């Protein structure tokens, strides 16, 4: 393994970092007290990565088993108990536990503990996942449901394949 080809060809570096203070409001609020903070989006990293802080309320939540064809996804538990599925088995993950899932890898996560939990979700490359999560949060808040055709188009557009 070697370093990739240089993408910055300047001589002296440049001011280009982005700081987000810990107290910044989450971009997405979810039913049940959960929220998502977009620490880095695909748009803000020129498609390199997306990094979210995913805070789950005490209410049971999380997606079923699925995979992505174009992105990897990683999970790092910050606090609480998060059930992570690695494609073969469910693991009760706690602070400091980590799961990497390459493209095509079956995975899921859940908070079934009845207590709040928090984790980082990293995906590479930085796909535009914000609209995906915002739409799902809106569906949860309003009770609106997709029709079959609308659901198929939505999940295909967002590289999400359910098993």
Protein backbone atom coordinates (compact mmCIF):
# COMPACT_ATOMS: atom_id res chain seq x y z
CA UNK A 1 0.00 0.00 0.00
CA UNK A 2 1.31 3.44 -0.84
CA UNK A 3 0.13 7.01 -0.59
CA UNK A 4 -2.20 8.16 -3.38
CA UNK A 5 -1.06 10.69 -5.95
CA UNK A 6 -0.80 14.26 -4.71
CA UNK A 7 -4.03 16.26 -4.94
CA UNK A 8 -2.62 19.51 -3.58
CA UNK A 9 0.16 20.83 -5.75
CA UNK A 10 0.78 24.21 -4.11
CA UNK A 11 4.01 25.07 -2.32
CA UNK A 12 3.11 26.58 1.05
CA UNK A 13 -0.17 25.06 2.11
CA UNK A 14 -3.39 27.03 2.46
CA UNK A 15 -5.98 28.01 5.04
CA UNK A 16 -8.80 25.55 4.38
CA UNK A 17 -9.70 23.76 7.62
CA UNK A 18 -13.27 23.71 8.92
CA UNK A 19 -13.96 23.87 12.65
CA UNK A 20 -17.23 22.83 14.26
CA UNK A 21 -17.60 23.61 17.98
CA UNK A 22 -18.93 20.89 20.27
CA UNK A 23 -21.94 23.01 21.21
CA UNK A 24 -23.21 23.49 17.64
CA UNK A 25 -26.87 22.58 17.17
CA UNK A 26 -27.56 19.29 15.34
CA UNK A 27 -28.75 19.69 11.75
CA UNK A 28 -31.36 16.95 12.08
CA UNK A 29 -33.79 16.26 14.93
CA UNK A 30 -35.61 12.92 14.95
CA UNK A 31 -38.73 11.52 16.56
CA UNK A 32 -37.86 9.92 19.88
CA UNK A 33 -35.26 12.48 20.91
CA UNK A 34 -32.49 11.50 18.51
CA UNK A 35 -30.42 13.85 16.40
CA UNK A 36 -27.68 13.92 13.79
CA UNK A 37 -24.86 16.43 13.57
CA UNK A 38 -23.22 16.70 10.16
CA UNK A 39 -19.60 17.03 11.23
CA UNK A 40 -18.40 16.70 7.64
CA UNK A 41 -20.54 16.22 4.55
CA UNK A 42 -19.55 14.96 1.15
CA UNK A 43 -20.09 18.50 -0.14
CA UNK A 44 -17.81 20.06 2.50
CA UNK A 45 -15.03 17.50 1.90
CA UNK A 46 -15.16 17.53 -1.90
CA UNK A 47 -16.56 14.01 -1.87
CA UNK A 48 -13.80 12.49 0.26
CA UNK A 49 -15.90 11.45 3.25
CA UNK A 50 -18.97 12.06 5.34
CA UNK A 51 -18.88 12.04 9.13
CA UNK A 52 -21.95 12.33 11.35
CA UNK A 53 -22.48 12.23 15.06
CA UNK A 54 -25.59 10.09 15.52
CA UNK A 55 -27.28 10.61 18.90
CA UNK A 56 -30.09 8.19 19.63
CA UNK A 57 -32.78 8.79 22.21
CA UNK A 58 -33.97 6.08 24.58
CA UNK A 59 -36.66 4.99 22.11
CA UNK A 60 -35.86 1.85 20.14
CA UNK A 61 -34.46 2.82 16.74
CA UNK A 62 -32.25 1.79 13.86
CA UNK A 63 -32.44 0.40 10.32
CA UNK A 64 -32.81 -3.20 9.24
CA UNK A 65 -30.09 -5.13 7.43
CA UNK A 66 -28.93 -3.46 4.23
CA UNK A 67 -25.85 -2.81 2.08
CA UNK A 68 -24.42 -0.11 -0.18
CA UNK A 69 -22.77 -0.63 -3.56
CA UNK A 70 -20.79 2.62 -3.69
CA UNK A 71 -19.76 3.53 -0.14
CA UNK A 72 -18.14 2.00 2.89
CA UNK A 73 -19.61 2.76 6.29
CA UNK A 74 -17.96 2.75 9.70
CA UNK A 75 -19.41 3.03 13.19
CA UNK A 76 -17.60 4.17 16.35
CA UNK A 77 -19.58 4.06 19.60
CA UNK A 78 -19.13 7.15 21.76
CA UNK A 79 -21.53 6.27 24.59
CA UNK A 80 -24.30 3.92 25.56
CA UNK A 81 -25.03 0.52 24.05
CA UNK A 82 -25.48 0.19 20.29
CA UNK A 83 -26.26 -3.15 18.67
CA UNK A 84 -24.15 -3.47 15.51
CA UNK A 85 -24.68 -6.12 12.83
CA UNK A 86 -21.54 -7.05 10.88
CA UNK A 87 -23.36 -9.21 8.33
CA UNK A 88 -22.94 -12.36 10.37
CA UNK A 89 -23.85 -11.54 13.96
CA UNK A 90 -25.18 -8.82 16.24
CA UNK A 91 -22.73 -7.38 18.76
CA UNK A 92 -23.59 -5.26 21.80
CA UNK A 93 -21.11 -2.44 21.19
CA UNK A 94 -20.12 0.05 23.87
CA UNK A 95 -17.86 3.09 24.15
CA UNK A 96 -14.79 2.70 21.96
CA UNK A 97 -16.08 -0.22 19.87
CA UNK A 98 -15.71 0.12 16.09
CA UNK A 99 -17.19 -1.58 13.01
CA UNK A 100 -15.97 -1.08 9.43
CA UNK A 101 -18.22 -2.26 6.57
CA UNK A 102 -16.84 -2.22 2.99
CA UNK A 103 -19.07 -1.64 -0.05
CA UNK A 104 -21.42 -4.60 -0.40
CA UNK A 105 -21.14 -5.53 3.27
CA UNK A 106 -24.36 -6.37 5.06
CA UNK A 107 -24.86 -4.24 8.17
CA UNK A 108 -27.36 -2.64 10.54
CA UNK A 109 -27.42 -0.79 13.84
CA UNK A 110 -29.95 -0.45 16.64
CA UNK A 111 -30.46 1.15 19.97
CA UNK A 112 -32.53 -1.37 21.92
CA UNK A 113 -31.21 -0.51 25.37
CA UNK A 114 -33.93 1.89 26.47
CA UNK A 115 -31.17 4.44 27.21
CA UNK A 116 -29.63 7.16 25.00
CA UNK A 117 -26.62 6.16 22.89
CA UNK A 118 -24.25 8.03 20.59
CA UNK A 119 -21.89 7.05 17.78
CA UNK A 120 -19.94 8.42 14.86
CA UNK A 121 -20.89 7.25 11.38
CA UNK A 122 -18.20 7.62 8.70
CA UNK A 123 -18.81 6.88 5.05
CA UNK A 124 -16.39 7.03 2.15
CA UNK A 125 -16.44 8.43 -0.38
CA UNK A 126 -18.58 11.34 0.78
CA UNK A 127 -21.94 10.63 -0.82
CA UNK A 128 -24.77 13.16 -0.34
CA UNK A 129 -26.44 11.24 2.52
CA UNK A 130 -28.07 14.24 4.20
CA UNK A 131 -31.22 14.19 2.04
CA UNK A 132 -31.62 10.48 2.74
CA UNK A 133 -31.66 10.92 6.51
CA UNK A 134 -33.69 14.13 6.38
CA UNK A 135 -36.40 12.43 4.31
CA UNK A 136 -36.56 9.46 6.68
CA UNK A 137 -36.81 11.84 9.67
CA UNK A 138 -39.63 13.72 7.94
CA UNK A 139 -41.48 10.45 7.28
CA UNK A 140 -41.09 9.48 10.94
CA UNK A 141 -42.32 12.86 12.14
CA UNK A 142 -45.36 13.06 9.86
CA UNK A 143 -46.34 9.40 9.55
CA UNK A 144 -46.36 9.74 5.76
CA UNK A 145 -45.39 6.54 3.95
CA UNK A 146 -43.79 5.93 0.59
CA UNK A 147 -45.69 4.17 -2.15
CA UNK A 148 -43.88 1.14 -3.56
CA UNK A 149 -42.57 2.96 -6.64
CA UNK A 150 -41.49 6.02 -4.66
CA UNK A 151 -39.68 3.83 -2.10
CA UNK A 152 -37.85 1.84 -4.80
CA UNK A 153 -36.65 5.05 -6.50
CA UNK A 154 -35.65 6.69 -3.20
CA UNK A 155 -33.56 3.76 -1.93
CA UNK A 156 -31.94 3.19 -5.34
CA UNK A 157 -31.04 6.90 -5.56
CA UNK A 158 -29.47 6.66 -2.10
CA UNK A 159 -27.53 3.42 -2.69
CA UNK A 160 -29.48 1.49 -0.04
CA UNK A 161 -30.39 -2.14 -0.72
CA UNK A 162 -32.48 -4.01 1.85
CA UNK A 163 -32.15 -7.74 2.47
